[in-house]
Amino acid sequence: MACVRAGMGREQAHEVIKEHEVAVALAMREQGDASNDLIVRLGDDPRIPASTAELRAVLANPLEFVGLAQDQVQAFAGEVEALTARYPDALAYVPSPIL
């Protein structure tokens, strides 16, 4: 989202990030490289409109880039609380094993 706010297209940002994600994952898997330099790679890529420092700053506060997730979780929890208050016996329900 930081890239989009800086003027980059969403699809293009996803594609560039994915390209680097795959390269890092392959290096970690195939070469046994335990380091994850994704942020440095992205910051060094001229297609990304943010420096490594700017990307680190964005990632330093992860709650800022989860969108509406917190509100959605709170709304869902509220609905569950309302249902369990209305049907308290439901709290004792134990499903049968699947297998």
C-alpha atoms as a PDB file:
ATOM      1  CA  MET A   1       0.000   0.000   0.000  1.00  0.00           C
ATOM      2  CA  ALA A   2       2.935   2.329   0.644  1.00  0.00           C
ATOM      3  CA  CYS A   3       3.960   1.859  -2.987  1.00  0.00           C
ATOM      4  CA  VAL A   4       0.431   2.619  -4.192  1.00  0.00           C
ATOM      5  CA  ARG A   5       0.283   5.748  -2.039  1.00  0.00           C
ATOM      6  CA  ALA A   6       3.576   6.793  -3.659  1.00  0.00           C
ATOM      7  CA  GLY A   7       2.018   6.489  -7.124  1.00  0.00           C
ATOM      8  CA  MET A   8       2.841   2.918  -8.160  1.00  0.00           C
ATOM      9  CA  GLY A   9       0.111   0.743  -9.647  1.00  0.00           C
ATOM     10  CA  ARG A  10      -1.241  -1.936  -7.315  1.00  0.00           C
ATOM     11  CA  GLU A  11      -0.749  -4.804  -9.749  1.00  0.00           C
ATOM     12  CA  GLN A  12       2.754  -3.640 -10.616  1.00  0.00           C
ATOM     13  CA  ALA A  13       3.663  -3.369  -6.927  1.00  0.00           C
ATOM     14  CA  HIS A  14       2.363  -6.876  -6.270  1.00  0.00           C
ATOM     15  CA  GLU A  15       4.322  -8.264  -9.213  1.00  0.00           C
ATOM     16  CA  VAL A  16       7.610  -6.643  -8.178  1.00  0.00           C
ATOM     17  CA  ILE A  17       7.179  -7.706  -4.542  1.00  0.00           C
ATOM     18  CA  LYS A  18       6.300 -11.255  -5.624  1.00  0.00           C
ATOM     19  CA  GLU A  19       9.385 -11.393  -7.848  1.00  0.00           C
ATOM     20  CA  HIS A  20      11.614 -10.543  -4.900  1.00  0.00           C
ATOM     21  CA  GLU A  21       9.689 -12.790  -2.481  1.00  0.00           C
ATOM     22  CA  VAL A  22      10.228 -15.789  -4.726  1.00  0.00           C
ATOM     23  CA  ALA A  23      13.928 -14.991  -5.169  1.00  0.00           C
ATOM     24  CA  VAL A  24      14.420 -14.734  -1.402  1.00  0.00           C
ATOM     25  CA  ALA A  25      12.471 -17.942  -0.742  1.00  0.00           C
ATOM     26  CA  LEU A  26      14.501 -19.828  -3.352  1.00  0.00           C
ATOM     27  CA  ALA A  27      17.772 -18.547  -1.906  1.00  0.00           C
ATOM     28  CA  MET A  28      16.691 -19.609   1.553  1.00  0.00           C
ATOM     29  CA  ARG A  29      15.522 -23.031   0.392  1.00  0.00           C
ATOM     30  CA  GLU A  30      18.048 -23.993  -2.264  1.00  0.00           C
ATOM     31  CA  GLN A  31      21.181 -22.308  -0.968  1.00  0.00           C
ATOM     32  CA  GLY A  32      20.469 -22.664   2.735  1.00  0.00           C
ATOM     33  CA  ASP A  33      20.682 -18.900   3.098  1.00  0.00           C
ATOM     34  CA  ALA A  34      19.046 -18.126   6.439  1.00  0.00           C
ATOM     35  CA  SER A  35      19.039 -14.372   5.899  1.00  0.00           C
ATOM     36  CA  ASN A  36      15.967 -12.652   4.580  1.00  0.00           C
ATOM     37  CA  ASP A  37      16.987  -9.549   2.677  1.00  0.00           C
ATOM     38  CA  LEU A  38      13.590  -8.883   1.090  1.00  0.00           C
ATOM     39  CA  ILE A  39      13.334  -5.319   2.394  1.00  0.00           C
ATOM     40  CA  VAL A  40      16.828  -4.470   1.147  1.00  0.00           C
ATOM     41  CA  ARG A  41      16.056  -5.975  -2.265  1.00  0.00           C
ATOM     42  CA  LEU A  42      12.843  -3.979  -2.513  1.00  0.00           C
ATOM     43  CA  GLY A  43      14.520  -0.779  -1.334  1.00  0.00           C
ATOM     44  CA  ASP A  44      17.269  -1.226  -3.932  1.00  0.00           C
ATOM     45  CA  ASP A  45      14.819  -1.894  -6.768  1.00  0.00           C
ATOM     46  CA  PRO A  46      14.290   1.301  -8.805  1.00  0.00           C
ATOM     47  CA  ARG A  47      10.737   0.202  -9.622  1.00  0.00           C
ATOM     48  CA  ILE A  48       9.772   0.522  -5.949  1.00  0.00           C
ATOM     49  CA  PRO A  49       9.094   4.163  -4.976  1.00  0.00           C
ATOM     50  CA  ALA A  50      10.467   3.737  -1.446  1.00  0.00           C
ATOM     51  CA  SER A  51      13.909   3.334   0.072  1.00  0.00           C
ATOM     52  CA  THR A  52      14.923   0.534   2.398  1.00  0.00           C
ATOM     53  CA  ALA A  53      14.648   2.972   5.321  1.00  0.00           C
ATOM     54  CA  GLU A  54      11.137   4.015   4.278  1.00  0.00           C
ATOM     55  CA  LEU A  55      10.051   0.387   3.940  1.00  0.00           C
ATOM     56  CA  ARG A  56      11.474  -0.449   7.365  1.00  0.00           C
ATOM     57  CA  ALA A  57       9.570   2.512   8.824  1.00  0.00           C
ATOM     58  CA  VAL A  58       6.320   1.252   7.309  1.00  0.00           C
ATOM     59  CA  LEU A  59       6.928  -2.252   8.639  1.00  0.00           C
ATOM     60  CA  ALA A  60       7.866  -0.969  12.100  1.00  0.00           C
ATOM     61  CA  ASN A  61       4.188  -0.404  12.860  1.00  0.00           C
ATOM     62  CA  PRO A  62       2.324  -3.366  11.338  1.00  0.00           C
ATOM     63  CA  LEU A  63      -1.078  -2.341  12.686  1.00  0.00           C
ATOM     64  CA  GLU A  64      -1.044   0.583  10.273  1.00  0.00           C
ATOM     65  CA  PHE A  65      -1.132  -1.658   7.211  1.00  0.00           C
ATOM     66  CA  VAL A  66      -3.698  -4.291   8.138  1.00  0.00           C
ATOM     67  CA  GLY A  67      -6.545  -2.212   6.786  1.00  0.00           C
ATOM     68  CA  LEU A  68      -9.924  -2.946   8.307  1.00  0.00           C
ATOM     69  CA  ALA A  69      -8.843  -6.251   9.853  1.00  0.00           C
ATOM     70  CA  GLN A  70      -8.969  -4.972  13.442  1.00  0.00           C
ATOM     71  CA  ASP A  71     -12.435  -3.504  13.000  1.00  0.00           C
ATOM     72  CA  GLN A  72     -13.650  -6.681  11.293  1.00  0.00           C
ATOM     73  CA  VAL A  73     -12.299  -8.885  14.093  1.00  0.00           C
ATOM     74  CA  GLN A  74     -13.919  -6.682  16.738  1.00  0.00           C
ATOM     75  CA  ALA A  75     -17.243  -6.761  14.869  1.00  0.00           C
ATOM     76  CA  PHE A  76     -17.077 -10.554  14.561  1.00  0.00           C
ATOM     77  CA  ALA A  77     -16.175 -10.943  18.244  1.00  0.00           C
ATOM     78  CA  GLY A  78     -19.154  -8.744  19.114  1.00  0.00           C
ATOM     79  CA  GLU A  79     -21.451 -10.962  17.070  1.00  0.00           C
ATOM     80  CA  VAL A  80     -20.098 -14.073  18.792  1.00  0.00           C
ATOM     81  CA  GLU A  81     -20.595 -12.474  22.206  1.00  0.00           C
ATOM     82  CA  ALA A  82     -24.188 -11.589  21.306  1.00  0.00           C
ATOM     83  CA  LEU A  83     -24.891 -15.140  20.128  1.00  0.00           C
ATOM     84  CA  THR A  84     -23.328 -16.773  23.181  1.00  0.00           C
ATOM     85  CA  ALA A  85     -25.298 -14.417  25.439  1.00  0.00           C
ATOM     86  CA  ARG A  86     -28.498 -15.374  23.606  1.00  0.00           C
ATOM     87  CA  TYR A  87     -27.671 -19.114  23.459  1.00  0.00           C
ATOM     88  CA  PRO A  88     -25.454 -19.878  26.485  1.00  0.00           C
ATOM     89  CA  ASP A  89     -25.867 -23.647  26.042  1.00  0.00           C
ATOM     90  CA  ALA A  90     -24.031 -23.359  22.723  1.00  0.00           C
ATOM     91  CA  LEU A  91     -20.807 -22.774  24.648  1.00  0.00           C
ATOM     92  CA  ALA A  92     -20.879 -26.415  25.767  1.00  0.00           C
ATOM     93  CA  TYR A  93     -21.140 -27.763  22.210  1.00  0.00           C
ATOM     94  CA  VAL A  94     -18.351 -30.145  21.209  1.00  0.00           C
ATOM     95  CA  PRO A  95     -18.383 -31.317  17.585  1.00  0.00           C
ATOM     96  CA  SER A  96     -17.877 -34.968  16.666  1.00  0.00           C
ATOM     97  CA  PRO A  97     -14.437 -35.911  15.369  1.00  0.00           C
ATOM     98  CA  ILE A  98     -14.079 -35.456  11.617  1.00  0.00           C
ATOM     99  CA  LEU A  99     -12.034 -38.574  11.056  1.00  0.00           C
END
